[in-house]
Amino acid sequence: EQRLAEAAGRVRRLGAWTAARARTGGRIAPDLSIG
């Protein structure tokens, strides 16, 4: 059970990281010409 809990915890931590970055980072339109 601890192995499953550890795995779920890593998923949730990554979700929290992305949510925090979305709140603080702001969005800039991509420069499509670079491609």
PDB file of all heavy atoms in Angstrom:
ATOM      1  N   GLU A   1       0.830  -1.202   0.000  1.00  0.00           N
ATOM      2  CA  GLU A   1       0.000   0.000   0.000  1.00  0.00           C
ATOM      3  C   GLU A   1       0.865   1.253   0.000  1.00  0.00           C
ATOM      4  O   GLU A   1       0.538   2.255  -0.646  1.00  0.00           O
ATOM      5  CB  GLU A   1      -0.933  -0.008   1.211  1.00  0.00           C
ATOM      6  CG  GLU A   1      -1.929   1.130   1.218  1.00  0.00           C
ATOM      7  CD  GLU A   1      -2.959   1.004   2.323  1.00  0.00           C
ATOM      8  OE1 GLU A   1      -2.913  -0.006   3.069  1.00  0.00           O
ATOM      9  OE2 GLU A   1      -3.811   1.906   2.441  1.00  0.00           O
ATOM     10  N   GLN A   2       2.003   1.197   0.695  1.00  0.00           N
ATOM     11  CA  GLN A   2       2.882   2.351   0.746  1.00  0.00           C
ATOM     12  C   GLN A   2       3.476   2.670  -0.625  1.00  0.00           C
ATOM     13  O   GLN A   2       3.686   3.830  -0.963  1.00  0.00           O
ATOM     14  CB  GLN A   2       4.003   2.121   1.764  1.00  0.00           C
ATOM     15  CG  GLN A   2       4.957   3.299   1.923  1.00  0.00           C
ATOM     16  CD  GLN A   2       4.243   4.591   2.273  1.00  0.00           C
ATOM     17  OE1 GLN A   2       3.276   4.577   3.033  1.00  0.00           O
ATOM     18  NE2 GLN A   2       4.697   5.710   1.705  1.00  0.00           N
ATOM     19  N   ARG A   3       3.742   1.637  -1.433  1.00  0.00           N
ATOM     20  CA  ARG A   3       4.271   1.855  -2.779  1.00  0.00           C
ATOM     21  C   ARG A   3       3.252   2.590  -3.643  1.00  0.00           C
ATOM     22  O   ARG A   3       3.590   3.527  -4.371  1.00  0.00           O
ATOM     23  CB  ARG A   3       4.636   0.487  -3.408  1.00  0.00           C
ATOM     24  CG  ARG A   3       4.958   0.512  -4.924  1.00  0.00           C
ATOM     25  CD  ARG A   3       6.365   1.013  -5.236  1.00  0.00           C
ATOM     26  NE  ARG A   3       6.465   2.442  -5.300  1.00  0.00           N
ATOM     27  CZ  ARG A   3       6.243   3.183  -6.390  1.00  0.00           C
ATOM     28  NH1 ARG A   3       5.888   2.639  -7.526  1.00  0.00           N
ATOM     29  NH2 ARG A   3       6.409   4.489  -6.352  1.00  0.00           N
ATOM     30  N   LEU A   4       1.986   2.195  -3.557  1.00  0.00           N
ATOM     31  CA  LEU A   4       0.945   2.886  -4.309  1.00  0.00           C
ATOM     32  C   LEU A   4       0.776   4.318  -3.807  1.00  0.00           C
ATOM     33  O   LEU A   4       0.636   5.252  -4.600  1.00  0.00           O
ATOM     34  CB  LEU A   4      -0.375   2.121  -4.207  1.00  0.00           C
ATOM     35  CG  LEU A   4      -1.568   2.742  -4.960  1.00  0.00           C
ATOM     36  CD1 LEU A   4      -1.280   2.821  -6.454  1.00  0.00           C
ATOM     37  CD2 LEU A   4      -2.834   1.932  -4.691  1.00  0.00           C
ATOM     38  N   ALA A   5       0.815   4.507  -2.494  1.00  0.00           N
ATOM     39  CA  ALA A   5       0.681   5.856  -1.930  1.00  0.00           C
ATOM     40  C   ALA A   5       1.841   6.748  -2.359  1.00  0.00           C
ATOM     41  O   ALA A   5       1.657   7.939  -2.641  1.00  0.00           O
ATOM     42  CB  ALA A   5       0.605   5.769  -0.401  1.00  0.00           C
ATOM     43  N   GLU A   6       3.038   6.181  -2.387  1.00  0.00           N
ATOM     44  CA  GLU A   6       4.221   6.937  -2.835  1.00  0.00           C
ATOM     45  C   GLU A   6       4.053   7.381  -4.282  1.00  0.00           C
ATOM     46  O   GLU A   6       4.338   8.539  -4.632  1.00  0.00           O
ATOM     47  CB  GLU A   6       5.459   6.054  -2.689  1.00  0.00           C
ATOM     48  CG  GLU A   6       6.741   6.683  -3.208  1.00  0.00           C
ATOM     49  CD  GLU A   6       7.892   5.697  -3.216  1.00  0.00           C
ATOM     50  OE1 GLU A   6       7.735   4.582  -3.766  1.00  0.00           O
ATOM     51  OE2 GLU A   6       8.958   6.041  -2.689  1.00  0.00           O
ATOM     52  N   ALA A   7       3.576   6.468  -5.139  1.00  0.00           N
ATOM     53  CA  ALA A   7       3.374   6.797  -6.550  1.00  0.00           C
ATOM     54  C   ALA A   7       2.327   7.896  -6.698  1.00  0.00           C
ATOM     55  O   ALA A   7       2.525   8.878  -7.434  1.00  0.00           O
ATOM     56  CB  ALA A   7       2.960   5.542  -7.320  1.00  0.00           C
ATOM     57  N   ALA A   8       1.216   7.749  -5.998  1.00  0.00           N
ATOM     58  CA  ALA A   8       0.157   8.765  -6.076  1.00  0.00           C
ATOM     59  C   ALA A   8       0.663  10.116  -5.578  1.00  0.00           C
ATOM     60  O   ALA A   8       0.309  11.174  -6.127  1.00  0.00           O
ATOM     61  CB  ALA A   8      -1.048   8.312  -5.254  1.00  0.00           C
ATOM     62  N   GLY A   9       1.499  10.101  -4.544  1.00  0.00           N
ATOM     63  CA  GLY A   9       2.056  11.345  -4.024  1.00  0.00           C
ATOM     64  C   GLY A   9       2.911  12.066  -5.044  1.00  0.00           C
ATOM     65  O   GLY A   9       2.859  13.304  -5.151  1.00  0.00           O
ATOM     66  N   ARG A  10       3.682  11.327  -5.819  1.00  0.00           N
ATOM     67  CA  ARG A  10       4.505  11.969  -6.857  1.00  0.00           C
ATOM     68  C   ARG A  10       3.634  12.599  -7.942  1.00  0.00           C
ATOM     69  O   ARG A  10       3.939  13.686  -8.445  1.00  0.00           O
ATOM     70  CB  ARG A  10       5.475  10.964  -7.470  1.00  0.00           C
ATOM     71  CG  ARG A  10       6.691  10.665  -6.602  1.00  0.00           C
ATOM     72  CD  ARG A  10       7.825  10.070  -7.425  1.00  0.00           C
ATOM     73  NE  ARG A  10       9.000   9.835  -6.606  1.00  0.00           N
ATOM     74  CZ  ARG A  10       9.282   8.666  -6.012  1.00  0.00           C
ATOM     75  NH1 ARG A  10       8.462   7.627  -6.172  1.00  0.00           N
ATOM     76  NH2 ARG A  10      10.364   8.529  -5.279  1.00  0.00           N
ATOM     77  N   VAL A  11       2.562  11.919  -8.308  1.00  0.00           N
ATOM     78  CA  VAL A  11       1.642  12.491  -9.297  1.00  0.00           C
ATOM     79  C   VAL A  11       1.054  13.794  -8.766  1.00  0.00           C
ATOM     80  O   VAL A  11       1.023  14.817  -9.472  1.00  0.00           O
ATOM     81  CB  VAL A  11       0.515  11.493  -9.636  1.00  0.00           C
ATOM     82  CG1 VAL A  11      -0.533  12.156 -10.532  1.00  0.00           C
ATOM     83  CG2 VAL A  11       1.081  10.249 -10.316  1.00  0.00           C
ATOM     84  N   ARG A  12       0.603  13.782  -7.531  1.00  0.00           N
ATOM     85  CA  ARG A  12      -0.029  14.982  -6.962  1.00  0.00           C
ATOM     86  C   ARG A  12       0.965  16.126  -6.814  1.00  0.00           C
ATOM     87  O   ARG A  12       0.608  17.293  -7.020  1.00  0.00           O
ATOM     88  CB  ARG A  12      -0.671  14.635  -5.620  1.00  0.00           C
ATOM     89  CG  ARG A  12      -1.854  13.675  -5.763  1.00  0.00           C
ATOM     90  CD  ARG A  12      -2.438  13.287  -4.411  1.00  0.00           C
ATOM     91  NE  ARG A  12      -3.484  12.273  -4.591  1.00  0.00           N
ATOM     92  CZ  ARG A  12      -3.514  11.108  -3.964  1.00  0.00           C
ATOM     93  NH1 ARG A  12      -2.556  10.803  -3.075  1.00  0.00           N
ATOM     94  NH2 ARG A  12      -4.483  10.250  -4.176  1.00  0.00           N
ATOM     95  N   ARG A  13       2.200  15.807  -6.459  1.00  0.00           N
ATOM     96  CA  ARG A  13       3.204  16.877  -6.338  1.00  0.00           C
ATOM     97  C   ARG A  13       3.466  17.533  -7.686  1.00  0.00           C
ATOM     98  O   ARG A  13       3.637  18.757  -7.764  1.00  0.00           O
ATOM     99  CB  ARG A  13       4.499  16.322  -5.743  1.00  0.00           C
ATOM    100  CG  ARG A  13       4.421  16.081  -4.237  1.00  0.00           C
ATOM    101  CD  ARG A  13       5.799  15.912  -3.616  1.00  0.00           C
ATOM    102  NE  ARG A  13       6.493  14.720  -4.110  1.00  0.00           N
ATOM    103  CZ  ARG A  13       6.321  13.503  -3.614  1.00  0.00           C
ATOM    104  NH1 ARG A  13       5.447  13.296  -2.631  1.00  0.00           N
ATOM    105  NH2 ARG A  13       7.009  12.488  -4.089  1.00  0.00           N
ATOM    106  N   LEU A  14       3.504  16.736  -8.731  1.00  0.00           N
ATOM    107  CA  LEU A  14       3.722  17.329 -10.049  1.00  0.00           C
ATOM    108  C   LEU A  14       2.514  18.171 -10.457  1.00  0.00           C
ATOM    109  O   LEU A  14       2.663  19.261 -11.030  1.00  0.00           O
ATOM    110  CB  LEU A  14       3.995  16.245 -11.081  1.00  0.00           C
ATOM    111  CG  LEU A  14       4.306  16.745 -12.503  1.00  0.00           C
ATOM    112  CD1 LEU A  14       5.462  17.747 -12.495  1.00  0.00           C
ATOM    113  CD2 LEU A  14       4.626  15.572 -13.425  1.00  0.00           C
ATOM    114  N   GLY A  15       1.319  17.686 -10.146  1.00  0.00           N
ATOM    115  CA  GLY A  15       0.132  18.489 -10.433  1.00  0.00           C
ATOM    116  C   GLY A  15       0.151  19.814  -9.690  1.00  0.00           C
ATOM    117  O   GLY A  15      -0.210  20.861 -10.245  1.00  0.00           O
ATOM    118  N   ALA A  16       0.591  19.787  -8.459  1.00  0.00           N
ATOM    119  CA  ALA A  16       0.681  21.020  -7.671  1.00  0.00           C
ATOM    120  C   ALA A  16       1.722  21.967  -8.256  1.00  0.00           C
ATOM    121  O   ALA A  16       1.523  23.190  -8.278  1.00  0.00           O
ATOM    122  CB  ALA A  16       1.014  20.675  -6.220  1.00  0.00           C
ATOM    123  N   TRP A  17       2.840  21.416  -8.736  1.00  0.00           N
ATOM    124  CA  TRP A  17       3.881  22.251  -9.355  1.00  0.00           C
ATOM    125  C   TRP A  17       3.344  22.961 -10.595  1.00  0.00           C
ATOM    126  O   TRP A  17       3.544  24.172 -10.762  1.00  0.00           O
ATOM    127  CB  TRP A  17       5.084  21.399  -9.723  1.00  0.00           C
ATOM    128  CG  TRP A  17       6.191  22.161 -10.394  1.00  0.00           C
ATOM    129  CD1 TRP A  17       7.187  22.875  -9.790  1.00  0.00           C
ATOM    130  CD2 TRP A  17       6.418  22.296 -11.810  1.00  0.00           C
ATOM    131  NE1 TRP A  17       8.020  23.446 -10.739  1.00  0.00           N
ATOM    132  CE2 TRP A  17       7.576  23.095 -11.982  1.00  0.00           C
ATOM    133  CE3 TRP A  17       5.764  21.805 -12.941  1.00  0.00           C
ATOM    134  CZ2 TRP A  17       8.082  23.425 -13.252  1.00  0.00           C
ATOM    135  CZ3 TRP A  17       6.260  22.128 -14.209  1.00  0.00           C
ATOM    136  CH2 TRP A  17       7.401  22.928 -14.344  1.00  0.00           C
ATOM    137  N   THR A  18       2.652  22.233 -11.448  1.00  0.00           N
ATOM    138  CA  THR A  18       2.140  22.857 -12.673  1.00  0.00           C
ATOM    139  C   THR A  18       1.082  23.910 -12.343  1.00  0.00           C
ATOM    140  O   THR A  18       1.030  24.968 -12.976  1.00  0.00           O
ATOM    141  CB  THR A  18       1.549  21.803 -13.626  1.00  0.00           C
ATOM    142  OG1 THR A  18       0.464  21.116 -12.992  1.00  0.00           O
ATOM    143  CG2 THR A  18       2.598  20.804 -14.067  1.00  0.00           C
ATOM    144  N   ALA A  19       0.243  23.629 -11.327  1.00  0.00           N
ATOM    145  CA  ALA A  19      -0.787  24.602 -10.949  1.00  0.00           C
ATOM    146  C   ALA A  19      -0.166  25.874 -10.394  1.00  0.00           C
ATOM    147  O   ALA A  19      -0.605  26.993 -10.707  1.00  0.00           O
ATOM    148  CB  ALA A  19      -1.748  23.979  -9.936  1.00  0.00           C
ATOM    149  N   ALA A  20       0.875  25.710  -9.590  1.00  0.00           N
ATOM    150  CA  ALA A  20       1.550  26.881  -9.030  1.00  0.00           C
ATOM    151  C   ALA A  20       2.205  27.706 -10.132  1.00  0.00           C
ATOM    152  O   ALA A  20       2.151  28.945 -10.114  1.00  0.00           O
ATOM    153  CB  ALA A  20       2.586  26.444  -7.996  1.00  0.00           C
ATOM    154  N   ARG A  21       2.834  27.045 -11.082  1.00  0.00           N
ATOM    155  CA  ARG A  21       3.462  27.774 -12.192  1.00  0.00           C
ATOM    156  C   ARG A  21       2.418  28.498 -13.029  1.00  0.00           C
ATOM    157  O   ARG A  21       2.651  29.621 -13.501  1.00  0.00           O
ATOM    158  CB  ARG A  21       4.257  26.807 -13.068  1.00  0.00           C
ATOM    159  CG  ARG A  21       5.533  26.270 -12.419  1.00  0.00           C
ATOM    160  CD  ARG A  21       6.528  27.391 -12.094  1.00  0.00           C
ATOM    161  NE  ARG A  21       6.851  28.161 -13.269  1.00  0.00           N
ATOM    162  CZ  ARG A  21       7.881  27.910 -14.082  1.00  0.00           C
ATOM    163  NH1 ARG A  21       8.682  26.891 -13.825  1.00  0.00           N
ATOM    164  NH2 ARG A  21       8.124  28.667 -15.134  1.00  0.00           N
ATOM    165  N   ALA A  22       1.256  27.892 -13.241  1.00  0.00           N
ATOM    166  CA  ALA A  22       0.198  28.530 -14.017  1.00  0.00           C
ATOM    167  C   ALA A  22      -0.317  29.778 -13.318  1.00  0.00           C
ATOM    168  O   ALA A  22      -0.664  30.777 -13.962  1.00  0.00           O
ATOM    169  CB  ALA A  22      -0.945  27.553 -14.257  1.00  0.00           C
ATOM    170  N   ARG A  23      -0.356  29.742 -11.980  1.00  0.00           N
ATOM    171  CA  ARG A  23      -0.860  30.898 -11.221  1.00  0.00           C
ATOM    172  C   ARG A  23       0.122  32.052 -11.235  1.00  0.00           C
ATOM    173  O   ARG A  23      -0.284  33.227 -11.233  1.00  0.00           O
ATOM    174  CB  ARG A  23      -1.139  30.482  -9.771  1.00  0.00           C
ATOM    175  CG  ARG A  23      -2.364  29.624  -9.576  1.00  0.00           C
ATOM    176  CD  ARG A  23      -2.737  29.527  -8.101  1.00  0.00           C
ATOM    177  NE  ARG A  23      -1.678  28.934  -7.298  1.00  0.00           N
ATOM    178  CZ  ARG A  23      -1.570  27.633  -7.047  1.00  0.00           C
ATOM    179  NH1 ARG A  23      -2.468  26.797  -7.543  1.00  0.00           N
ATOM    180  NH2 ARG A  23      -0.586  27.158  -6.300  1.00  0.00           N
ATOM    181  N   THR A  24       1.405  31.761 -11.243  1.00  0.00           N
ATOM    182  CA  THR A  24       2.410  32.818 -11.055  1.00  0.00           C
ATOM    183  C   THR A  24       3.149  33.192 -12.335  1.00  0.00           C
ATOM    184  O   THR A  24       3.755  34.260 -12.404  1.00  0.00           O
ATOM    185  CB  THR A  24       3.456  32.370 -10.015  1.00  0.00           C
ATOM    186  OG1 THR A  24       4.105  31.174 -10.480  1.00  0.00           O
ATOM    187  CG2 THR A  24       2.793  32.085  -8.680  1.00  0.00           C
ATOM    188  N   GLY A  25       3.105  32.329 -13.344  1.00  0.00           N
ATOM    189  CA  GLY A  25       3.953  32.552 -14.507  1.00  0.00           C
ATOM    190  C   GLY A  25       3.411  33.525 -15.532  1.00  0.00           C
ATOM    191  O   GLY A  25       4.162  34.205 -16.229  1.00  0.00           O
ATOM    192  N   GLY A  26       2.080  33.613 -15.652  1.00  0.00           N
ATOM    193  CA  GLY A  26       1.527  34.431 -16.720  1.00  0.00           C
ATOM    194  C   GLY A  26       1.705  33.746 -18.062  1.00  0.00           C
ATOM    195  O   GLY A  26       2.556  32.862 -18.216  1.00  0.00           O
ATOM    196  N   ARG A  27       0.909  34.130 -19.034  1.00  0.00           N
ATOM    197  CA  ARG A  27       0.970  33.481 -20.340  1.00  0.00           C
ATOM    198  C   ARG A  27       1.403  34.482 -21.409  1.00  0.00           C
ATOM    199  O   ARG A  27       0.893  35.596 -21.479  1.00  0.00           O
ATOM    200  CB  ARG A  27      -0.379  32.865 -20.711  1.00  0.00           C
ATOM    201  CG  ARG A  27      -0.722  31.639 -19.854  1.00  0.00           C
ATOM    202  CD  ARG A  27      -1.995  30.966 -20.311  1.00  0.00           C
ATOM    203  NE  ARG A  27      -2.298  29.802 -19.490  1.00  0.00           N
ATOM    204  CZ  ARG A  27      -3.390  29.059 -19.616  1.00  0.00           C
ATOM    205  NH1 ARG A  27      -4.272  29.373 -20.543  1.00  0.00           N
ATOM    206  NH2 ARG A  27      -3.581  28.014 -18.830  1.00  0.00           N
ATOM    207  N   ILE A  28       2.332  34.035 -22.230  1.00  0.00           N
ATOM    208  CA  ILE A  28       2.818  34.829 -23.355  1.00  0.00           C
ATOM    209  C   ILE A  28       2.540  34.035 -24.620  1.00  0.00           C
ATOM    210  O   ILE A  28       2.802  32.833 -24.675  1.00  0.00           O
ATOM    211  CB  ILE A  28       4.323  35.118 -23.212  1.00  0.00           C
ATOM    212  CG1 ILE A  28       4.598  35.885 -21.914  1.00  0.00           C
ATOM    213  CG2 ILE A  28       4.855  35.866 -24.423  1.00  0.00           C
ATOM    214  CD1 ILE A  28       6.072  36.082 -21.623  1.00  0.00           C
ATOM    215  N   ALA A  29       2.016  34.690 -25.635  1.00  0.00           N
ATOM    216  CA  ALA A  29       1.728  34.001 -26.894  1.00  0.00           C
ATOM    217  C   ALA A  29       3.023  33.465 -27.500  1.00  0.00           C
ATOM    218  O   ALA A  29       4.070  34.131 -27.446  1.00  0.00           O
ATOM    219  CB  ALA A  29       1.043  34.950 -27.869  1.00  0.00           C
ATOM    220  N   PRO A  30       2.987  32.270 -28.074  1.00  0.00           N
ATOM    221  CA  PRO A  30       4.209  31.692 -28.646  1.00  0.00           C
ATOM    222  C   PRO A  30       4.659  32.422 -29.901  1.00  0.00           C
ATOM    223  O   PRO A  30       3.839  32.961 -30.659  1.00  0.00           O
ATOM    224  CB  PRO A  30       3.791  30.256 -28.975  1.00  0.00           C
ATOM    225  CG  PRO A  30       2.311  30.334 -29.193  1.00  0.00           C
ATOM    226  CD  PRO A  30       1.827  31.372 -28.225  1.00  0.00           C
ATOM    227  N   ASP A  31       5.961  32.435 -30.108  1.00  0.00           N
ATOM    228  CA  ASP A  31       6.542  32.984 -31.341  1.00  0.00           C
ATOM    229  C   ASP A  31       6.565  31.853 -32.367  1.00  0.00           C
ATOM    230  O   ASP A  31       7.483  31.033 -32.393  1.00  0.00           O
ATOM    231  CB  ASP A  31       7.952  33.501 -31.060  1.00  0.00           C
ATOM    232  CG  ASP A  31       8.661  33.974 -32.330  1.00  0.00           C
ATOM    233  OD1 ASP A  31       8.006  34.039 -33.391  1.00  0.00           O
ATOM    234  OD2 ASP A  31       9.873  34.248 -32.261  1.00  0.00           O
ATOM    235  N   LEU A  32       5.559  31.792 -33.223  1.00  0.00           N
ATOM    236  CA  LEU A  32       5.446  30.696 -34.183  1.00  0.00           C
ATOM    237  C   LEU A  32       6.481  30.774 -35.294  1.00  0.00           C
ATOM    238  O   LEU A  32       6.753  29.783 -35.964  1.00  0.00           O
ATOM    239  CB  LEU A  32       4.038  30.687 -34.788  1.00  0.00           C
ATOM    240  CG  LEU A  32       2.899  30.429 -33.796  1.00  0.00           C
ATOM    241  CD1 LEU A  32       1.548  30.506 -34.500  1.00  0.00           C
ATOM    242  CD2 LEU A  32       3.057  29.082 -33.107  1.00  0.00           C
ATOM    243  N   SER A  33       7.083  31.939 -35.485  1.00  0.00           N
ATOM    244  CA  SER A  33       8.036  32.085 -36.588  1.00  0.00           C
ATOM    245  C   SER A  33       9.333  31.326 -36.336  1.00  0.00           C
ATOM    246  O   SER A  33      10.068  31.012 -37.277  1.00  0.00           O
ATOM    247  CB  SER A  33       8.347  33.564 -36.832  1.00  0.00           C
ATOM    248  OG  SER A  33       9.072  34.118 -35.733  1.00  0.00           O
ATOM    249  N   ILE A  34       9.626  31.021 -35.073  1.00  0.00           N
ATOM    250  CA  ILE A  34      10.911  30.377 -34.779  1.00  0.00           C
ATOM    251  C   ILE A  34      10.993  28.985 -35.391  1.00  0.00           C
ATOM    252  O   ILE A  34      12.074  28.503 -35.734  1.00  0.00           O
ATOM    253  CB  ILE A  34      11.143  30.319 -33.252  1.00  0.00           C
ATOM    254  CG1 ILE A  34      12.605  29.976 -32.954  1.00  0.00           C
ATOM    255  CG2 ILE A  34      10.216  29.321 -32.582  1.00  0.00           C
ATOM    256  CD1 ILE A  34      12.968  30.063 -31.488  1.00  0.00           C
ATOM    257  N   GLY A  35       9.849  28.327 -35.568  1.00  0.00           N
ATOM    258  CA  GLY A  35       9.853  26.985 -36.133  1.00  0.00           C
ATOM    259  C   GLY A  35      10.388  26.948 -37.551  1.00  0.00           C
ATOM    260  O   GLY A  35      11.246  26.121 -37.896  1.00  0.00           O
TER     261      GLY A  35
END
